[in-house]
Amino acid sequence: MVEDSRRRPSHAFGRSAYVCRLEDHVLGLFERGRIERALRLSLAPEDKSALREALLCKLR
């Protein structure tokens, strides 16, 4: 779930992390497991890809 608010993220959906709105920073999250460390979980490659695309769509 990607929240599109500028308020504090809801914790009803489990883990959350603040993400900078710059495309380079979003792409950087997926290098060397940074997003997984931030969320404290492991992501399957297809989940990682879906999350990356969802975040990038929010920027456009």
PDB file of N, CA and C in Angstrom:
ATOM      1  N   MET A   1       0.854  -1.173   0.000  1.00  0.00           N
ATOM      2  CA  MET A   1       0.000   0.000   0.000  1.00  0.00           C
ATOM      3  C   MET A   1       0.895   1.230   0.000  1.00  0.00           C
ATOM      4  N   VAL A   2       0.629   2.116  -0.886  1.00  0.00           N
ATOM      5  CA  VAL A   2       1.364   3.373  -0.954  1.00  0.00           C
ATOM      6  C   VAL A   2       0.396   4.482  -0.572  1.00  0.00           C
ATOM      7  N   GLU A   3       0.728   5.202   0.467  1.00  0.00           N
ATOM      8  CA  GLU A   3      -0.127   6.296   0.898  1.00  0.00           C
ATOM      9  C   GLU A   3       0.262   7.566   0.167  1.00  0.00           C
ATOM     10  N   ASP A   4      -0.742   8.330  -0.193  1.00  0.00           N
ATOM     11  CA  ASP A   4      -0.488   9.562  -0.934  1.00  0.00           C
ATOM     12  C   ASP A   4      -0.823  10.785  -0.081  1.00  0.00           C
ATOM     13  N   SER A   5      -0.553  10.722   1.181  1.00  0.00           N
ATOM     14  CA  SER A   5      -0.823  11.877   2.036  1.00  0.00           C
ATOM     15  C   SER A   5       0.490  12.420   2.570  1.00  0.00           C
ATOM     16  N   ARG A   6       0.449  13.620   3.007  1.00  0.00           N
ATOM     17  CA  ARG A   6       1.649  14.223   3.584  1.00  0.00           C
ATOM     18  C   ARG A   6       1.610  14.112   5.102  1.00  0.00           C
ATOM     19  N   ARG A   7       0.570  13.480   5.614  1.00  0.00           N
ATOM     20  CA  ARG A   7       0.452  13.250   7.050  1.00  0.00           C
ATOM     21  C   ARG A   7       1.271  12.028   7.437  1.00  0.00           C
ATOM     22  N   ARG A   8       1.330  11.800   8.704  1.00  0.00           N
ATOM     23  CA  ARG A   8       2.022  10.629   9.223  1.00  0.00           C
ATOM     24  C   ARG A   8       1.355   9.367   8.680  1.00  0.00           C
ATOM     25  N   PRO A   9       2.125   8.373   8.204  1.00  0.00           N
ATOM     26  CA  PRO A   9       1.519   7.178   7.617  1.00  0.00           C
ATOM     27  C   PRO A   9       0.704   6.391   8.644  1.00  0.00           C
ATOM     28  N   SER A  10      -0.323   5.751   8.142  1.00  0.00           N
ATOM     29  CA  SER A  10      -1.178   4.920   8.988  1.00  0.00           C
ATOM     30  C   SER A  10      -0.436   3.639   9.356  1.00  0.00           C
ATOM     31  N   HIS A  11      -0.566   3.229  10.580  1.00  0.00           N
ATOM     32  CA  HIS A  11       0.081   1.988  11.012  1.00  0.00           C
ATOM     33  C   HIS A  11      -0.873   0.808  10.925  1.00  0.00           C
ATOM     34  N   ALA A  12      -2.062   1.030  10.393  1.00  0.00           N
ATOM     35  CA  ALA A  12      -3.038  -0.044  10.245  1.00  0.00           C
ATOM     36  C   ALA A  12      -2.579  -1.065   9.212  1.00  0.00           C
ATOM     37  N   PHE A  13      -1.678  -0.671   8.326  1.00  0.00           N
ATOM     38  CA  PHE A  13      -1.230  -1.555   7.262  1.00  0.00           C
ATOM     39  C   PHE A  13       0.092  -2.245   7.582  1.00  0.00           C
ATOM     40  N   GLY A  14       0.583  -2.123   8.775  1.00  0.00           N
ATOM     41  CA  GLY A  14       1.841  -2.772   9.133  1.00  0.00           C
ATOM     42  C   GLY A  14       2.997  -1.806   9.098  1.00  0.00           C
ATOM     43  N   ARG A  15       4.073  -2.204   8.469  1.00  0.00           N
ATOM     44  CA  ARG A  15       5.281  -1.387   8.447  1.00  0.00           C
ATOM     45  C   ARG A  15       5.142  -0.234   7.470  1.00  0.00           C
ATOM     46  N   SER A  16       5.824   0.841   7.764  1.00  0.00           N
ATOM     47  CA  SER A  16       5.785   2.007   6.879  1.00  0.00           C
ATOM     48  C   SER A  16       7.141   2.700   6.905  1.00  0.00           C
ATOM     49  N   ALA A  17       7.360   3.524   5.916  1.00  0.00           N
ATOM     50  CA  ALA A  17       8.593   4.303   5.837  1.00  0.00           C
ATOM     51  C   ALA A  17       8.295   5.578   5.063  1.00  0.00           C
ATOM     52  N   TYR A  18       8.914   6.667   5.464  1.00  0.00           N
ATOM     53  CA  TYR A  18       8.798   7.902   4.705  1.00  0.00           C
ATOM     54  C   TYR A  18       9.709   7.793   3.492  1.00  0.00           C
ATOM     55  N   VAL A  19       9.223   8.275   2.351  1.00  0.00           N
ATOM     56  CA  VAL A  19       9.990   8.195   1.106  1.00  0.00           C
ATOM     57  C   VAL A  19      10.061   9.587   0.491  1.00  0.00           C
ATOM     58  N   CYS A  20      11.261   9.995   0.168  1.00  0.00           N
ATOM     59  CA  CYS A  20      11.472  11.270  -0.510  1.00  0.00           C
ATOM     60  C   CYS A  20      10.788  11.235  -1.875  1.00  0.00           C
ATOM     61  N   ARG A  21      10.306  12.371  -2.339  1.00  0.00           N
ATOM     62  CA  ARG A  21       9.575  12.423  -3.606  1.00  0.00           C
ATOM     63  C   ARG A  21      10.490  12.611  -4.827  1.00  0.00           C
ATOM     64  N   LEU A  22      11.783  12.563  -4.668  1.00  0.00           N
ATOM     65  CA  LEU A  22      12.694  12.660  -5.811  1.00  0.00           C
ATOM     66  C   LEU A  22      12.908  11.282  -6.416  1.00  0.00           C
ATOM     67  N   GLU A  23      12.796  11.185  -7.730  1.00  0.00           N
ATOM     68  CA  GLU A  23      12.897   9.890  -8.410  1.00  0.00           C
ATOM     69  C   GLU A  23      14.214   9.185  -8.105  1.00  0.00           C
ATOM     70  N   ASP A  24      15.321   9.919  -8.099  1.00  0.00           N
ATOM     71  CA  ASP A  24      16.622   9.297  -7.812  1.00  0.00           C
ATOM     72  C   ASP A  24      16.638   8.667  -6.423  1.00  0.00           C
ATOM     73  N   HIS A  25      15.973   9.299  -5.471  1.00  0.00           N
ATOM     74  CA  HIS A  25      15.942   8.766  -4.108  1.00  0.00           C
ATOM     75  C   HIS A  25      15.072   7.522  -4.031  1.00  0.00           C
ATOM     76  N   VAL A  26      13.953   7.520  -4.761  1.00  0.00           N
ATOM     77  CA  VAL A  26      13.091   6.329  -4.795  1.00  0.00           C
ATOM     78  C   VAL A  26      13.868   5.165  -5.399  1.00  0.00           C
ATOM     79  N   LEU A  27      14.542   5.391  -6.505  1.00  0.00           N
ATOM     80  CA  LEU A  27      15.311   4.323  -7.147  1.00  0.00           C
ATOM     81  C   LEU A  27      16.444   3.852  -6.236  1.00  0.00           C
ATOM     82  N   GLY A  28      17.030   4.765  -5.493  1.00  0.00           N
ATOM     83  CA  GLY A  28      18.107   4.414  -4.581  1.00  0.00           C
ATOM     84  C   GLY A  28      17.663   3.495  -3.449  1.00  0.00           C
ATOM     85  N   LEU A  29      16.383   3.559  -3.096  1.00  0.00           N
ATOM     86  CA  LEU A  29      15.861   2.681  -2.036  1.00  0.00           C
ATOM     87  C   LEU A  29      15.994   1.210  -2.387  1.00  0.00           C
ATOM     88  N   PHE A  30      15.955   0.913  -3.670  1.00  0.00           N
ATOM     89  CA  PHE A  30      15.949  -0.476  -4.107  1.00  0.00           C
ATOM     90  C   PHE A  30      17.349  -1.018  -4.386  1.00  0.00           C
ATOM     91  N   GLU A  31      18.349  -0.194  -4.175  1.00  0.00           N
ATOM     92  CA  GLU A  31      19.729  -0.639  -4.324  1.00  0.00           C
ATOM     93  C   GLU A  31      20.227  -1.203  -2.995  1.00  0.00           C
ATOM     94  N   ARG A  32      20.895  -2.283  -3.049  1.00  0.00           N
ATOM     95  CA  ARG A  32      21.537  -2.907  -1.886  1.00  0.00           C
ATOM     96  C   ARG A  32      20.599  -3.134  -0.705  1.00  0.00           C
ATOM     97  N   GLY A  33      19.311  -3.363  -0.978  1.00  0.00           N
ATOM     98  CA  GLY A  33      18.377  -3.741   0.073  1.00  0.00           C
ATOM     99  C   GLY A  33      17.978  -2.643   1.037  1.00  0.00           C
ATOM    100  N   ARG A  34      18.116  -1.405   0.631  1.00  0.00           N
ATOM    101  CA  ARG A  34      17.778  -0.296   1.543  1.00  0.00           C
ATOM    102  C   ARG A  34      16.309  -0.297   1.938  1.00  0.00           C
ATOM    103  N   ILE A  35      15.417  -0.567   0.987  1.00  0.00           N
ATOM    104  CA  ILE A  35      13.985  -0.564   1.300  1.00  0.00           C
ATOM    105  C   ILE A  35      13.653  -1.688   2.284  1.00  0.00           C
ATOM    106  N   GLU A  36      14.307  -2.825   2.115  1.00  0.00           N
ATOM    107  CA  GLU A  36      14.057  -3.951   3.015  1.00  0.00           C
ATOM    108  C   GLU A  36      14.559  -3.652   4.426  1.00  0.00           C
ATOM    109  N   ARG A  37      15.676  -2.972   4.528  1.00  0.00           N
ATOM    110  CA  ARG A  37      16.172  -2.585   5.859  1.00  0.00           C
ATOM    111  C   ARG A  37      15.242  -1.569   6.507  1.00  0.00           C
ATOM    112  N   ALA A  38      14.763  -0.611   5.716  1.00  0.00           N
ATOM    113  CA  ALA A  38      13.865   0.415   6.252  1.00  0.00           C
ATOM    114  C   ALA A  38      12.554  -0.189   6.752  1.00  0.00           C
ATOM    115  N   LEU A  39      12.052  -1.177   6.021  1.00  0.00           N
ATOM    116  CA  LEU A  39      10.789  -1.820   6.402  1.00  0.00           C
ATOM    117  C   LEU A  39      10.983  -3.003   7.348  1.00  0.00           C
ATOM    118  N   ARG A  40      12.240  -3.396   7.526  1.00  0.00           N
ATOM    119  CA  ARG A  40      12.588  -4.549   8.369  1.00  0.00           C
ATOM    120  C   ARG A  40      11.862  -5.821   7.944  1.00  0.00           C
ATOM    121  N   LEU A  41      11.927  -6.111   6.631  1.00  0.00           N
ATOM    122  CA  LEU A  41      11.359  -7.343   6.107  1.00  0.00           C
ATOM    123  C   LEU A  41      12.013  -7.680   4.779  1.00  0.00           C
ATOM    124  N   SER A  42      11.803  -8.897   4.322  1.00  0.00           N
ATOM    125  CA  SER A  42      12.325  -9.327   3.029  1.00  0.00           C
ATOM    126  C   SER A  42      11.219  -9.233   1.994  1.00  0.00           C
ATOM    127  N   LEU A  43      11.565  -8.755   0.817  1.00  0.00           N
ATOM    128  CA  LEU A  43      10.592  -8.639  -0.262  1.00  0.00           C
ATOM    129  C   LEU A  43      10.960  -9.589  -1.386  1.00  0.00           C
ATOM    130  N   ALA A  44       9.951 -10.267  -1.934  1.00  0.00           N
ATOM    131  CA  ALA A  44      10.153 -11.102  -3.117  1.00  0.00           C
ATOM    132  C   ALA A  44      10.453 -10.167  -4.291  1.00  0.00           C
ATOM    133  N   PRO A  45      11.215 -10.635  -5.273  1.00  0.00           N
ATOM    134  CA  PRO A  45      11.556  -9.768  -6.414  1.00  0.00           C
ATOM    135  C   PRO A  45      10.336  -9.139  -7.086  1.00  0.00           C
ATOM    136  N   GLU A  46       9.245  -9.893  -7.237  1.00  0.00           N
ATOM    137  CA  GLU A  46       8.054  -9.335  -7.884  1.00  0.00           C
ATOM    138  C   GLU A  46       7.382  -8.274  -6.998  1.00  0.00           C
ATOM    139  N   ASP A  47       7.455  -8.444  -5.673  1.00  0.00           N
ATOM    140  CA  ASP A  47       6.908  -7.434  -4.758  1.00  0.00           C
ATOM    141  C   ASP A  47       7.758  -6.165  -4.786  1.00  0.00           C
ATOM    142  N   LYS A  48       9.063  -6.351  -4.858  1.00  0.00           N
ATOM    143  CA  LYS A  48       9.976  -5.213  -4.936  1.00  0.00           C
ATOM    144  C   LYS A  48       9.715  -4.403  -6.206  1.00  0.00           C
ATOM    145  N   SER A  49       9.525  -5.106  -7.302  1.00  0.00           N
ATOM    146  CA  SER A  49       9.254  -4.462  -8.582  1.00  0.00           C
ATOM    147  C   SER A  49       7.916  -3.710  -8.547  1.00  0.00           C
ATOM    148  N   ALA A  50       6.891  -4.331  -7.988  1.00  0.00           N
ATOM    149  CA  ALA A  50       5.575  -3.696  -7.894  1.00  0.00           C
ATOM    150  C   ALA A  50       5.630  -2.450  -7.008  1.00  0.00           C
ATOM    151  N   LEU A  51       6.351  -2.532  -5.909  1.00  0.00           N
ATOM    152  CA  LEU A  51       6.481  -1.397  -5.001  1.00  0.00           C
ATOM    153  C   LEU A  51       7.238  -0.253  -5.673  1.00  0.00           C
ATOM    154  N   ARG A  52       8.314  -0.583  -6.382  1.00  0.00           N
ATOM    155  CA  ARG A  52       9.092   0.437  -7.098  1.00  0.00           C
ATOM    156  C   ARG A  52       8.203   1.147  -8.124  1.00  0.00           C
ATOM    157  N   GLU A  53       7.434   0.381  -8.888  1.00  0.00           N
ATOM    158  CA  GLU A  53       6.562   0.976  -9.905  1.00  0.00           C
ATOM    159  C   GLU A  53       5.460   1.820  -9.268  1.00  0.00           C
ATOM    160  N   ALA A  54       4.886   1.369  -8.171  1.00  0.00           N
ATOM    161  CA  ALA A  54       3.845   2.129  -7.481  1.00  0.00           C
ATOM    162  C   ALA A  54       4.393   3.460  -6.975  1.00  0.00           C
ATOM    163  N   LEU A  55       5.584   3.425  -6.383  1.00  0.00           N
ATOM    164  CA  LEU A  55       6.185   4.655  -5.885  1.00  0.00           C
ATOM    165  C   LEU A  55       6.516   5.623  -7.019  1.00  0.00           C
ATOM    166  N   LEU A  56       7.035   5.096  -8.104  1.00  0.00           N
ATOM    167  CA  LEU A  56       7.375   5.951  -9.245  1.00  0.00           C
ATOM    168  C   LEU A  56       6.121   6.537  -9.900  1.00  0.00           C
ATOM    169  N   CYS A  57       5.028   5.778  -9.923  1.00  0.00           N
ATOM    170  CA  CYS A  57       3.758   6.279 -10.476  1.00  0.00           C
ATOM    171  C   CYS A  57       3.255   7.459  -9.652  1.00  0.00           C
ATOM    172  N   LYS A  58       3.436   7.401  -8.349  1.00  0.00           N
ATOM    173  CA  LYS A  58       2.992   8.488  -7.468  1.00  0.00           C
ATOM    174  C   LYS A  58       3.761   9.774  -7.742  1.00  0.00           C
ATOM    175  N   LEU A  59       4.955   9.661  -8.298  1.00  0.00           N
ATOM    176  CA  LEU A  59       5.778  10.840  -8.581  1.00  0.00           C
ATOM    177  C   LEU A  59       5.353  11.539  -9.868  1.00  0.00           C
ATOM    178  N   ARG A  60       4.669  10.812 -10.726  1.00  0.00           N
ATOM    179  CA  ARG A  60       4.329  11.360 -12.058  1.00  0.00           C
ATOM    180  C   ARG A  60       3.020  12.081 -12.044  1.00  0.00           C
TER     181      ARG A  60
END
